[in-house]
Amino acid sequence: MEKKNTLTINRLVIFLILSLYVFGIMAYPRLPARVPSRWNLSGEVEGYTSKLAHVVVLPTIILGLYLLMALAPKIDPKPKSYKKFNKVFEGFRLILVLVLGLTYIATSLVALG
């Protein structure tokens, strides 16, 4: 039962990440040439990225991190810990994607005005 739930969650997360690509492609024509990418503590923009990098690189980083974490139990020399804390680990992977995905969407919306 737990493997089925994990597979369902993995499919949902991959769908969410692919949705970020779709969102970015749809927003691409309206994005400015330079998209804000960094803010200071005062909320002022400190850095920019190109709109192509914003649309392609950021969702790819999110996907890469998610997949890398999926491989972690297989390449870690002590994989027993993952079995012991599987729900926590899977929850962390999900939260990571949600936080980074929401950050991506928020940054895109700021760039769109």
PDB file of N, CA and C in Angstrom:
ATOM      1  N   MET A   1       0.819  -1.196   0.000  1.00  0.00           N
ATOM      2  CA  MET A   1       0.000   0.000   0.000  1.00  0.00           C
ATOM      3  C   MET A   1       0.866   1.265   0.000  1.00  0.00           C
ATOM      4  N   GLU A   2       1.953   1.265   0.778  1.00  0.00           N
ATOM      5  CA  GLU A   2       2.804   2.449   0.887  1.00  0.00           C
ATOM      6  C   GLU A   2       3.510   2.740  -0.438  1.00  0.00           C
ATOM      7  N   LYS A   3       3.940   1.697  -1.159  1.00  0.00           N
ATOM      8  CA  LYS A   3       4.590   1.908  -2.459  1.00  0.00           C
ATOM      9  C   LYS A   3       3.619   2.534  -3.451  1.00  0.00           C
ATOM     10  N   LYS A   4       2.356   2.109  -3.405  1.00  0.00           N
ATOM     11  CA  LYS A   4       1.344   2.659  -4.307  1.00  0.00           C
ATOM     12  C   LYS A   4       1.138   4.141  -4.007  1.00  0.00           C
ATOM     13  N   ASN A   5       1.071   4.510  -2.722  1.00  0.00           N
ATOM     14  CA  ASN A   5       0.919   5.906  -2.340  1.00  0.00           C
ATOM     15  C   ASN A   5       2.120   6.727  -2.791  1.00  0.00           C
ATOM     16  N   THR A   6       3.318   6.190  -2.610  1.00  0.00           N
ATOM     17  CA  THR A   6       4.541   6.887  -3.015  1.00  0.00           C
ATOM     18  C   THR A   6       4.554   7.086  -4.521  1.00  0.00           C
ATOM     19  N   LEU A   7       4.149   6.066  -5.278  1.00  0.00           N
ATOM     20  CA  LEU A   7       4.102   6.179  -6.736  1.00  0.00           C
ATOM     21  C   LEU A   7       3.097   7.246  -7.149  1.00  0.00           C
ATOM     22  N   THR A   8       1.944   7.278  -6.507  1.00  0.00           N
ATOM     23  CA  THR A   8       0.923   8.283  -6.811  1.00  0.00           C
ATOM     24  C   THR A   8       1.445   9.684  -6.502  1.00  0.00           C
ATOM     25  N   ILE A   9       2.098   9.857  -5.367  1.00  0.00           N
ATOM     26  CA  ILE A   9       2.651  11.157  -4.996  1.00  0.00           C
ATOM     27  C   ILE A   9       3.746  11.566  -5.976  1.00  0.00           C
ATOM     28  N   ASN A  10       4.611  10.621  -6.355  1.00  0.00           N
ATOM     29  CA  ASN A  10       5.668  10.926  -7.325  1.00  0.00           C
ATOM     30  C   ASN A  10       5.082  11.384  -8.655  1.00  0.00           C
ATOM     31  N   ARG A  11       4.048  10.729  -9.105  1.00  0.00           N
ATOM     32  CA  ARG A  11       3.395  11.130 -10.358  1.00  0.00           C
ATOM     33  C   ARG A  11       2.787  12.523 -10.225  1.00  0.00           C
ATOM     34  N   LEU A  12       2.165  12.788  -9.095  1.00  0.00           N
ATOM     35  CA  LEU A  12       1.569  14.103  -8.859  1.00  0.00           C
ATOM     36  C   LEU A  12       2.642  15.188  -8.851  1.00  0.00           C
ATOM     37  N   VAL A  13       3.756  14.925  -8.200  1.00  0.00           N
ATOM     38  CA  VAL A  13       4.837  15.911  -8.120  1.00  0.00           C
ATOM     39  C   VAL A  13       5.445  16.142  -9.503  1.00  0.00           C
ATOM     40  N   ILE A  14       5.664  15.088 -10.260  1.00  0.00           N
ATOM     41  CA  ILE A  14       6.197  15.243 -11.612  1.00  0.00           C
ATOM     42  C   ILE A  14       5.210  16.059 -12.455  1.00  0.00           C
ATOM     43  N   PHE A  15       3.927  15.801 -12.308  1.00  0.00           N
ATOM     44  CA  PHE A  15       2.910  16.592 -13.014  1.00  0.00           C
ATOM     45  C   PHE A  15       2.993  18.062 -12.606  1.00  0.00           C
ATOM     46  N   LEU A  16       3.171  18.333 -11.318  1.00  0.00           N
ATOM     47  CA  LEU A  16       3.295  19.716 -10.850  1.00  0.00           C
ATOM     48  C   LEU A  16       4.526  20.394 -11.452  1.00  0.00           C
ATOM     49  N   ILE A  17       5.627  19.673 -11.500  1.00  0.00           N
ATOM     50  CA  ILE A  17       6.848  20.240 -12.081  1.00  0.00           C
ATOM     51  C   ILE A  17       6.653  20.501 -13.577  1.00  0.00           C
ATOM     52  N   LEU A  18       6.039  19.575 -14.283  1.00  0.00           N
ATOM     53  CA  LEU A  18       5.768  19.785 -15.706  1.00  0.00           C
ATOM     54  C   LEU A  18       4.819  20.969 -15.903  1.00  0.00           C
ATOM     55  N   SER A  19       3.914  21.178 -14.967  1.00  0.00           N
ATOM     56  CA  SER A  19       3.010  22.327 -15.014  1.00  0.00           C
ATOM     57  C   SER A  19       3.783  23.637 -14.915  1.00  0.00           C
ATOM     58  N   LEU A  20       4.902  23.628 -14.192  1.00  0.00           N
ATOM     59  CA  LEU A  20       5.736  24.825 -14.113  1.00  0.00           C
ATOM     60  C   LEU A  20       6.304  25.178 -15.485  1.00  0.00           C
ATOM     61  N   TYR A  21       6.708  24.153 -16.240  1.00  0.00           N
ATOM     62  CA  TYR A  21       7.185  24.395 -17.599  1.00  0.00           C
ATOM     63  C   TYR A  21       6.070  25.005 -18.462  1.00  0.00           C
ATOM     64  N   VAL A  22       4.871  24.438 -18.360  1.00  0.00           N
ATOM     65  CA  VAL A  22       3.733  24.944 -19.138  1.00  0.00           C
ATOM     66  C   VAL A  22       3.438  26.387 -18.747  1.00  0.00           C
ATOM     67  N   PHE A  23       3.414  26.665 -17.447  1.00  0.00           N
ATOM     68  CA  PHE A  23       3.187  28.026 -16.967  1.00  0.00           C
ATOM     69  C   PHE A  23       4.244  28.977 -17.533  1.00  0.00           C
ATOM     70  N   GLY A  24       5.496  28.574 -17.474  1.00  0.00           N
ATOM     71  CA  GLY A  24       6.586  29.407 -17.972  1.00  0.00           C
ATOM     72  C   GLY A  24       6.483  29.666 -19.466  1.00  0.00           C
ATOM     73  N   ILE A  25       6.142  28.630 -20.220  1.00  0.00           N
ATOM     74  CA  ILE A  25       6.006  28.777 -21.676  1.00  0.00           C
ATOM     75  C   ILE A  25       4.854  29.723 -22.006  1.00  0.00           C
ATOM     76  N   MET A  26       3.765  29.615 -21.255  1.00  0.00           N
ATOM     77  CA  MET A  26       2.634  30.506 -21.486  1.00  0.00           C
ATOM     78  C   MET A  26       2.964  31.950 -21.099  1.00  0.00           C
ATOM     79  N   ALA A  27       3.764  32.130 -20.065  1.00  0.00           N
ATOM     80  CA  ALA A  27       4.120  33.472 -19.601  1.00  0.00           C
ATOM     81  C   ALA A  27       5.249  34.080 -20.422  1.00  0.00           C
ATOM     82  N   TYR A  28       6.017  33.255 -21.095  1.00  0.00           N
ATOM     83  CA  TYR A  28       7.228  33.707 -21.803  1.00  0.00           C
ATOM     84  C   TYR A  28       7.018  34.948 -22.684  1.00  0.00           C
ATOM     85  N   PRO A  29       6.001  34.980 -23.533  1.00  0.00           N
ATOM     86  CA  PRO A  29       5.855  36.148 -24.416  1.00  0.00           C
ATOM     87  C   PRO A  29       5.627  37.466 -23.659  1.00  0.00           C
ATOM     88  N   ARG A  30       5.062  37.387 -22.466  1.00  0.00           N
ATOM     89  CA  ARG A  30       4.759  38.602 -21.704  1.00  0.00           C
ATOM     90  C   ARG A  30       5.831  38.948 -20.681  1.00  0.00           C
ATOM     91  N   LEU A  31       6.796  38.057 -20.460  1.00  0.00           N
ATOM     92  CA  LEU A  31       7.861  38.344 -19.493  1.00  0.00           C
ATOM     93  C   LEU A  31       8.802  39.405 -20.052  1.00  0.00           C
ATOM     94  N   PRO A  32       9.330  40.268 -19.168  1.00  0.00           N
ATOM     95  CA  PRO A  32      10.334  41.223 -19.629  1.00  0.00           C
ATOM     96  C   PRO A  32      11.628  40.482 -19.975  1.00  0.00           C
ATOM     97  N   ALA A  33      12.516  41.154 -20.702  1.00  0.00           N
ATOM     98  CA  ALA A  33      13.784  40.534 -21.098  1.00  0.00           C
ATOM     99  C   ALA A  33      14.601  40.120 -19.883  1.00  0.00           C
ATOM    100  N   ARG A  34      14.527  40.921 -18.811  1.00  0.00           N
ATOM    101  CA  ARG A  34      15.238  40.605 -17.560  1.00  0.00           C
ATOM    102  C   ARG A  34      14.206  40.351 -16.467  1.00  0.00           C
ATOM    103  N   VAL A  35      14.268  39.164 -15.890  1.00  0.00           N
ATOM    104  CA  VAL A  35      13.330  38.762 -14.840  1.00  0.00           C
ATOM    105  C   VAL A  35      14.036  38.873 -13.494  1.00  0.00           C
ATOM    106  N   PRO A  36      13.396  39.516 -12.497  1.00  0.00           N
ATOM    107  CA  PRO A  36      14.028  39.597 -11.170  1.00  0.00           C
ATOM    108  C   PRO A  36      14.308  38.201 -10.625  1.00  0.00           C
ATOM    109  N   SER A  37      15.489  38.040 -10.034  1.00  0.00           N
ATOM    110  CA  SER A  37      15.841  36.720  -9.510  1.00  0.00           C
ATOM    111  C   SER A  37      16.337  36.757  -8.063  1.00  0.00           C
ATOM    112  N   ARG A  38      16.676  37.956  -7.575  1.00  0.00           N
ATOM    113  CA  ARG A  38      17.186  38.077  -6.202  1.00  0.00           C
ATOM    114  C   ARG A  38      16.700  39.381  -5.604  1.00  0.00           C
ATOM    115  N   TRP A  39      16.317  39.297  -4.326  1.00  0.00           N
ATOM    116  CA  TRP A  39      15.901  40.484  -3.598  1.00  0.00           C
ATOM    117  C   TRP A  39      16.730  40.602  -2.335  1.00  0.00           C
ATOM    118  N   ASN A  40      16.925  41.831  -1.853  1.00  0.00           N
ATOM    119  CA  ASN A  40      17.614  42.013  -0.574  1.00  0.00           C
ATOM    120  C   ASN A  40      16.577  42.023   0.540  1.00  0.00           C
ATOM    121  N   LEU A  41      17.011  42.228   1.757  1.00  0.00           N
ATOM    122  CA  LEU A  41      16.098  42.201   2.899  1.00  0.00           C
ATOM    123  C   LEU A  41      15.092  43.338   2.878  1.00  0.00           C
ATOM    124  N   SER A  42      15.395  44.401   2.139  1.00  0.00           N
ATOM    125  CA  SER A  42      14.467  45.534   2.023  1.00  0.00           C
ATOM    126  C   SER A  42      13.434  45.303   0.926  1.00  0.00           C
ATOM    127  N   GLY A  43      13.528  44.197   0.222  1.00  0.00           N
ATOM    128  CA  GLY A  43      12.588  43.890  -0.845  1.00  0.00           C
ATOM    129  C   GLY A  43      12.954  44.499  -2.178  1.00  0.00           C
ATOM    130  N   GLU A  44      14.169  45.024  -2.292  1.00  0.00           N
ATOM    131  CA  GLU A  44      14.627  45.610  -3.544  1.00  0.00           C
ATOM    132  C   GLU A  44      15.312  44.545  -4.395  1.00  0.00           C
ATOM    133  N   VAL A  45      15.051  44.601  -5.696  1.00  0.00           N
ATOM    134  CA  VAL A  45      15.653  43.629  -6.616  1.00  0.00           C
ATOM    135  C   VAL A  45      17.156  43.873  -6.687  1.00  0.00           C
ATOM    136  N   GLU A  46      17.916  42.806  -6.494  1.00  0.00           N
ATOM    137  CA  GLU A  46      19.381  42.886  -6.553  1.00  0.00           C
ATOM    138  C   GLU A  46      19.970  42.166  -7.753  1.00  0.00           C
ATOM    139  N   GLY A  47      19.199  41.303  -8.375  1.00  0.00           N
ATOM    140  CA  GLY A  47      19.733  40.555  -9.501  1.00  0.00           C
ATOM    141  C   GLY A  47      18.641  40.160 -10.476  1.00  0.00           C
ATOM    142  N   TYR A  48      19.046  39.963 -11.703  1.00  0.00           N
ATOM    143  CA  TYR A  48      18.121  39.592 -12.771  1.00  0.00           C
ATOM    144  C   TYR A  48      18.659  38.381 -13.520  1.00  0.00           C
ATOM    145  N   THR A  49      17.750  37.709 -14.211  1.00  0.00           N
ATOM    146  CA  THR A  49      18.115  36.617 -15.100  1.00  0.00           C
ATOM    147  C   THR A  49      17.367  36.816 -16.409  1.00  0.00           C
ATOM    148  N   SER A  50      17.815  36.191 -17.461  1.00  0.00           N
ATOM    149  CA  SER A  50      17.102  36.311 -18.736  1.00  0.00           C
ATOM    150  C   SER A  50      15.787  35.545 -18.638  1.00  0.00           C
ATOM    151  N   LYS A  51      14.836  35.933 -19.465  1.00  0.00           N
ATOM    152  CA  LYS A  51      13.544  35.245 -19.382  1.00  0.00           C
ATOM    153  C   LYS A  51      13.664  33.792 -19.837  1.00  0.00           C
ATOM    154  N   LEU A  52      14.561  33.506 -20.775  1.00  0.00           N
ATOM    155  CA  LEU A  52      14.757  32.118 -21.194  1.00  0.00           C
ATOM    156  C   LEU A  52      15.297  31.275 -20.042  1.00  0.00           C
ATOM    157  N   ALA A  53      16.280  31.800 -19.329  1.00  0.00           N
ATOM    158  CA  ALA A  53      16.829  31.072 -18.176  1.00  0.00           C
ATOM    159  C   ALA A  53      15.759  30.885 -17.110  1.00  0.00           C
ATOM    160  N   HIS A  54      14.946  31.896 -16.912  1.00  0.00           N
ATOM    161  CA  HIS A  54      13.882  31.802 -15.902  1.00  0.00           C
ATOM    162  C   HIS A  54      12.900  30.686 -16.253  1.00  0.00           C
ATOM    163  N   VAL A  55      12.507  30.631 -17.512  1.00  0.00           N
ATOM    164  CA  VAL A  55      11.482  29.670 -17.938  1.00  0.00           C
ATOM    165  C   VAL A  55      12.025  28.246 -18.031  1.00  0.00           C
ATOM    166  N   VAL A  56      13.287  28.084 -18.412  1.00  0.00           N
ATOM    167  CA  VAL A  56      13.836  26.746 -18.625  1.00  0.00           C
ATOM    168  C   VAL A  56      14.657  26.257 -17.441  1.00  0.00           C
ATOM    169  N   VAL A  57      15.567  27.070 -16.960  1.00  0.00           N
ATOM    170  CA  VAL A  57      16.528  26.615 -15.953  1.00  0.00           C
ATOM    171  C   VAL A  57      15.879  26.375 -14.588  1.00  0.00           C
ATOM    172  N   LEU A  58      15.048  27.285 -14.145  1.00  0.00           N
ATOM    173  CA  LEU A  58      14.489  27.135 -12.791  1.00  0.00           C
ATOM    174  C   LEU A  58      13.620  25.877 -12.632  1.00  0.00           C
ATOM    175  N   PRO A  59      12.672  25.606 -13.531  1.00  0.00           N
ATOM    176  CA  PRO A  59      11.930  24.347 -13.385  1.00  0.00           C
ATOM    177  C   PRO A  59      12.836  23.114 -13.533  1.00  0.00           C
ATOM    178  N   THR A  60      13.882  23.229 -14.347  1.00  0.00           N
ATOM    179  CA  THR A  60      14.812  22.114 -14.521  1.00  0.00           C
ATOM    180  C   THR A  60      15.595  21.850 -13.236  1.00  0.00           C
ATOM    181  N   ILE A  61      15.949  22.913 -12.523  1.00  0.00           N
ATOM    182  CA  ILE A  61      16.621  22.747 -11.233  1.00  0.00           C
ATOM    183  C   ILE A  61      15.692  22.045 -10.245  1.00  0.00           C
ATOM    184  N   ILE A  62      14.432  22.443 -10.230  1.00  0.00           N
ATOM    185  CA  ILE A  62      13.454  21.808  -9.335  1.00  0.00           C
ATOM    186  C   ILE A  62      13.317  20.324  -9.677  1.00  0.00           C
ATOM    187  N   LEU A  63      13.183  20.021 -10.965  1.00  0.00           N
ATOM    188  CA  LEU A  63      13.080  18.621 -11.400  1.00  0.00           C
ATOM    189  C   LEU A  63      14.339  17.851 -11.044  1.00  0.00           C
ATOM    190  N   GLY A  64      15.494  18.446 -11.288  1.00  0.00           N
ATOM    191  CA  GLY A  64      16.764  17.788 -10.983  1.00  0.00           C
ATOM    192  C   GLY A  64      16.926  17.483  -9.507  1.00  0.00           C
ATOM    193  N   LEU A  65      16.571  18.438  -8.652  1.00  0.00           N
ATOM    194  CA  LEU A  65      16.656  18.202  -7.207  1.00  0.00           C
ATOM    195  C   LEU A  65      15.726  17.070  -6.779  1.00  0.00           C
ATOM    196  N   TYR A  66      14.520  17.068  -7.328  1.00  0.00           N
ATOM    197  CA  TYR A  66      13.556  16.023  -6.975  1.00  0.00           C
ATOM    198  C   TYR A  66      14.069  14.648  -7.396  1.00  0.00           C
ATOM    199  N   LEU A  67      14.593  14.564  -8.609  1.00  0.00           N
ATOM    200  CA  LEU A  67      15.114  13.277  -9.094  1.00  0.00           C
ATOM    201  C   LEU A  67      16.374  12.859  -8.345  1.00  0.00           C
ATOM    202  N   LEU A  68      17.233  13.817  -8.038  1.00  0.00           N
ATOM    203  CA  LEU A  68      18.434  13.512  -7.266  1.00  0.00           C
ATOM    204  C   LEU A  68      18.073  12.953  -5.892  1.00  0.00           C
ATOM    205  N   MET A  69      17.064  13.538  -5.280  1.00  0.00           N
ATOM    206  CA  MET A  69      16.635  13.021  -3.977  1.00  0.00           C
ATOM    207  C   MET A  69      15.994  11.639  -4.115  1.00  0.00           C
ATOM    208  N   ALA A  70      15.414  11.340  -5.266  1.00  0.00           N
ATOM    209  CA  ALA A  70      14.862  10.001  -5.498  1.00  0.00           C
ATOM    210  C   ALA A  70      15.987   8.974  -5.595  1.00  0.00           C
ATOM    211  N   LEU A  71      17.147   9.400  -6.105  1.00  0.00           N
ATOM    212  CA  LEU A  71      18.293   8.503  -6.237  1.00  0.00           C
ATOM    213  C   LEU A  71      19.082   8.363  -4.934  1.00  0.00           C
ATOM    214  N   ALA A  72      18.930   9.300  -4.039  1.00  0.00           N
ATOM    215  CA  ALA A  72      19.722   9.308  -2.801  1.00  0.00           C
ATOM    216  C   ALA A  72      19.683   7.971  -2.054  1.00  0.00           C
ATOM    217  N   PRO A  73      18.515   7.356  -1.858  1.00  0.00           N
ATOM    218  CA  PRO A  73      18.513   6.079  -1.132  1.00  0.00           C
ATOM    219  C   PRO A  73      19.280   4.969  -1.856  1.00  0.00           C
ATOM    220  N   LYS A  74      19.389   5.075  -3.163  1.00  0.00           N
ATOM    221  CA  LYS A  74      20.063   4.028  -3.938  1.00  0.00           C
ATOM    222  C   LYS A  74      21.579   4.202  -3.950  1.00  0.00           C
ATOM    223  N   ILE A  75      22.041   5.450  -3.801  1.00  0.00           N
ATOM    224  CA  ILE A  75      23.482   5.686  -3.857  1.00  0.00           C
ATOM    225  C   ILE A  75      24.111   5.924  -2.488  1.00  0.00           C
ATOM    226  N   ASP A  76      23.287   6.107  -1.483  1.00  0.00           N
ATOM    227  CA  ASP A  76      23.801   6.324  -0.131  1.00  0.00           C
ATOM    228  C   ASP A  76      24.355   5.006   0.423  1.00  0.00           C
ATOM    229  N   PRO A  77      25.536   5.038   1.041  1.00  0.00           N
ATOM    230  CA  PRO A  77      26.105   3.807   1.593  1.00  0.00           C
ATOM    231  C   PRO A  77      25.320   3.256   2.799  1.00  0.00           C
ATOM    232  N   LYS A  78      24.445   4.070   3.373  1.00  0.00           N
ATOM    233  CA  LYS A  78      23.627   3.613   4.505  1.00  0.00           C
ATOM    234  C   LYS A  78      22.143   3.814   4.199  1.00  0.00           C
ATOM    235  N   PRO A  79      21.596   3.003   3.302  1.00  0.00           N
ATOM    236  CA  PRO A  79      20.214   3.211   2.863  1.00  0.00           C
ATOM    237  C   PRO A  79      19.141   2.841   3.888  1.00  0.00           C
ATOM    238  N   LYS A  80      19.528   2.185   4.974  1.00  0.00           N
ATOM    239  CA  LYS A  80      18.539   1.771   5.968  1.00  0.00           C
ATOM    240  C   LYS A  80      17.817   2.968   6.588  1.00  0.00           C
ATOM    241  N   SER A  81      18.508   4.082   6.705  1.00  0.00           N
ATOM    242  CA  SER A  81      17.898   5.272   7.297  1.00  0.00           C
ATOM    243  C   SER A  81      16.710   5.755   6.476  1.00  0.00           C
ATOM    244  N   TYR A  82      16.779   5.606   5.172  1.00  0.00           N
ATOM    245  CA  TYR A  82      15.686   6.060   4.322  1.00  0.00           C
ATOM    246  C   TYR A  82      14.435   5.226   4.554  1.00  0.00           C
ATOM    247  N   LYS A  83      14.621   3.928   4.748  1.00  0.00           N
ATOM    248  CA  LYS A  83      13.473   3.063   5.022  1.00  0.00           C
ATOM    249  C   LYS A  83      12.847   3.428   6.366  1.00  0.00           C
ATOM    250  N   LYS A  84      13.698   3.769   7.304  1.00  0.00           N
ATOM    251  CA  LYS A  84      13.237   4.101   8.652  1.00  0.00           C
ATOM    252  C   LYS A  84      12.438   5.409   8.669  1.00  0.00           C
ATOM    253  N   PHE A  85      12.861   6.368   7.866  1.00  0.00           N
ATOM    254  CA  PHE A  85      12.238   7.693   7.860  1.00  0.00           C
ATOM    255  C   PHE A  85      11.641   8.025   6.491  1.00  0.00           C
ATOM    256  N   ASN A  86      11.099   7.016   5.809  1.00  0.00           N
ATOM    257  CA  ASN A  86      10.603   7.193   4.453  1.00  0.00           C
ATOM    258  C   ASN A  86       9.537   8.282   4.351  1.00  0.00           C
ATOM    259  N   LYS A  87       8.577   8.288   5.260  1.00  0.00           N
ATOM    260  CA  LYS A  87       7.498   9.278   5.186  1.00  0.00           C
ATOM    261  C   LYS A  87       8.040  10.693   5.360  1.00  0.00           C
ATOM    262  N   VAL A  88       8.978  10.866   6.255  1.00  0.00           N
ATOM    263  CA  VAL A  88       9.582  12.188   6.476  1.00  0.00           C
ATOM    264  C   VAL A  88      10.366  12.608   5.237  1.00  0.00           C
ATOM    265  N   PHE A  89      11.140  11.695   4.691  1.00  0.00           N
ATOM    266  CA  PHE A  89      11.942  11.987   3.508  1.00  0.00           C
ATOM    267  C   PHE A  89      11.053  12.341   2.323  1.00  0.00           C
ATOM    268  N   GLU A  90      10.016  11.558   2.079  1.00  0.00           N
ATOM    269  CA  GLU A  90       9.096  11.837   0.975  1.00  0.00           C
ATOM    270  C   GLU A  90       8.364  13.152   1.216  1.00  0.00           C
ATOM    271  N   GLY A  91       8.001  13.425   2.445  1.00  0.00           N
ATOM    272  CA  GLY A  91       7.350  14.693   2.776  1.00  0.00           C
ATOM    273  C   GLY A  91       8.271  15.870   2.508  1.00  0.00           C
ATOM    274  N   PHE A  92       9.543  15.716   2.841  1.00  0.00           N
ATOM    275  CA  PHE A  92      10.516  16.775   2.590  1.00  0.00           C
ATOM    276  C   PHE A  92      10.669  17.016   1.091  1.00  0.00           C
ATOM    277  N   ARG A  93      10.719  15.944   0.311  1.00  0.00           N
ATOM    278  CA  ARG A  93      10.829  16.090  -1.142  1.00  0.00           C
ATOM    279  C   ARG A  93       9.626  16.858  -1.688  1.00  0.00           C
ATOM    280  N   LEU A  94       8.440  16.528  -1.200  1.00  0.00           N
ATOM    281  CA  LEU A  94       7.227  17.205  -1.644  1.00  0.00           C
ATOM    282  C   LEU A  94       7.250  18.680  -1.248  1.00  0.00           C
ATOM    283  N   ILE A  95       7.607  18.972  -0.015  1.00  0.00           N
ATOM    284  CA  ILE A  95       7.656  20.353   0.460  1.00  0.00           C
ATOM    285  C   ILE A  95       8.690  21.152  -0.330  1.00  0.00           C
ATOM    286  N   LEU A  96       9.827  20.547  -0.621  1.00  0.00           N
ATOM    287  CA  LEU A  96      10.864  21.216  -1.410  1.00  0.00           C
ATOM    288  C   LEU A  96      10.320  21.646  -2.773  1.00  0.00           C
ATOM    289  N   VAL A  97       9.633  20.747  -3.447  1.00  0.00           N
ATOM    290  CA  VAL A  97       9.070  21.066  -4.765  1.00  0.00           C
ATOM    291  C   VAL A  97       8.006  22.150  -4.637  1.00  0.00           C
ATOM    292  N   LEU A  98       7.149  22.057  -3.626  1.00  0.00           N
ATOM    293  CA  LEU A  98       6.096  23.056  -3.453  1.00  0.00           C
ATOM    294  C   LEU A  98       6.672  24.440  -3.172  1.00  0.00           C
ATOM    295  N   VAL A  99       7.642  24.525  -2.281  1.00  0.00           N
ATOM    296  CA  VAL A  99       8.230  25.825  -1.938  1.00  0.00           C
ATOM    297  C   VAL A  99       8.964  26.415  -3.141  1.00  0.00           C
ATOM    298  N   LEU A 100       9.787  25.617  -3.805  1.00  0.00           N
ATOM    299  CA  LEU A 100      10.512  26.120  -4.976  1.00  0.00           C
ATOM    300  C   LEU A 100       9.554  26.456  -6.122  1.00  0.00           C
ATOM    301  N   GLY A 101       8.525  25.650  -6.297  1.00  0.00           N
ATOM    302  CA  GLY A 101       7.534  25.917  -7.346  1.00  0.00           C
ATOM    303  C   GLY A 101       6.761  27.200  -7.073  1.00  0.00           C
ATOM    304  N   LEU A 102       6.352  27.397  -5.837  1.00  0.00           N
ATOM    305  CA  LEU A 102       5.648  28.636  -5.482  1.00  0.00           C
ATOM    306  C   LEU A 102       6.564  29.846  -5.620  1.00  0.00           C
ATOM    307  N   THR A 103       7.826  29.678  -5.293  1.00  0.00           N
ATOM    308  CA  THR A 103       8.794  30.765  -5.473  1.00  0.00           C
ATOM    309  C   THR A 103       8.930  31.110  -6.954  1.00  0.00           C
ATOM    310  N   TYR A 104       8.992  30.095  -7.787  1.00  0.00           N
ATOM    311  CA  TYR A 104       9.076  30.296  -9.237  1.00  0.00           C
ATOM    312  C   TYR A 104       7.850  31.046  -9.748  1.00  0.00           C
ATOM    313  N   ILE A 105       6.666  30.610  -9.323  1.00  0.00           N
ATOM    314  CA  ILE A 105       5.440  31.264  -9.766  1.00  0.00           C
ATOM    315  C   ILE A 105       5.367  32.702  -9.251  1.00  0.00           C
ATOM    316  N   ALA A 106       5.724  32.913  -7.984  1.00  0.00           N
ATOM    317  CA  ALA A 106       5.708  34.264  -7.432  1.00  0.00           C
ATOM    318  C   ALA A 106       6.664  35.176  -8.176  1.00  0.00           C
ATOM    319  N   THR A 107       7.861  34.693  -8.461  1.00  0.00           N
ATOM    320  CA  THR A 107       8.852  35.476  -9.202  1.00  0.00           C
ATOM    321  C   THR A 107       8.324  35.808 -10.600  1.00  0.00           C
ATOM    322  N   SER A 108       7.681  34.835 -11.228  1.00  0.00           N
ATOM    323  CA  SER A 108       7.116  35.072 -12.556  1.00  0.00           C
ATOM    324  C   SER A 108       6.019  36.127 -12.497  1.00  0.00           C
ATOM    325  N   LEU A 109       5.165  36.040 -11.499  1.00  0.00           N
ATOM    326  CA  LEU A 109       4.076  37.012 -11.368  1.00  0.00           C
ATOM    327  C   LEU A 109       4.598  38.414 -11.091  1.00  0.00           C
ATOM    328  N   VAL A 110       5.650  38.510 -10.284  1.00  0.00           N
ATOM    329  CA  VAL A 110       6.270  39.815 -10.045  1.00  0.00           C
ATOM    330  C   VAL A 110       6.802  40.372 -11.368  1.00  0.00           C
ATOM    331  N   ALA A 111       7.449  39.534 -12.142  1.00  0.00           N
ATOM    332  CA  ALA A 111       8.007  39.979 -13.430  1.00  0.00           C
ATOM    333  C   ALA A 111       6.894  40.404 -14.395  1.00  0.00           C
ATOM    334  N   LEU A 112       5.753  39.754 -14.300  1.00  0.00           N
ATOM    335  CA  LEU A 112       4.637  40.085 -15.176  1.00  0.00           C
ATOM    336  C   LEU A 112       3.911  41.359 -14.724  1.00  0.00           C
ATOM    337  N   GLY A 113       4.214  41.801 -13.511  1.00  0.00           N
ATOM    338  CA  GLY A 113       3.616  43.034 -12.995  1.00  0.00           C
ATOM    339  C   GLY A 113       2.375  42.722 -12.208  1.00  0.00           C
TER     340      GLY A 113
END
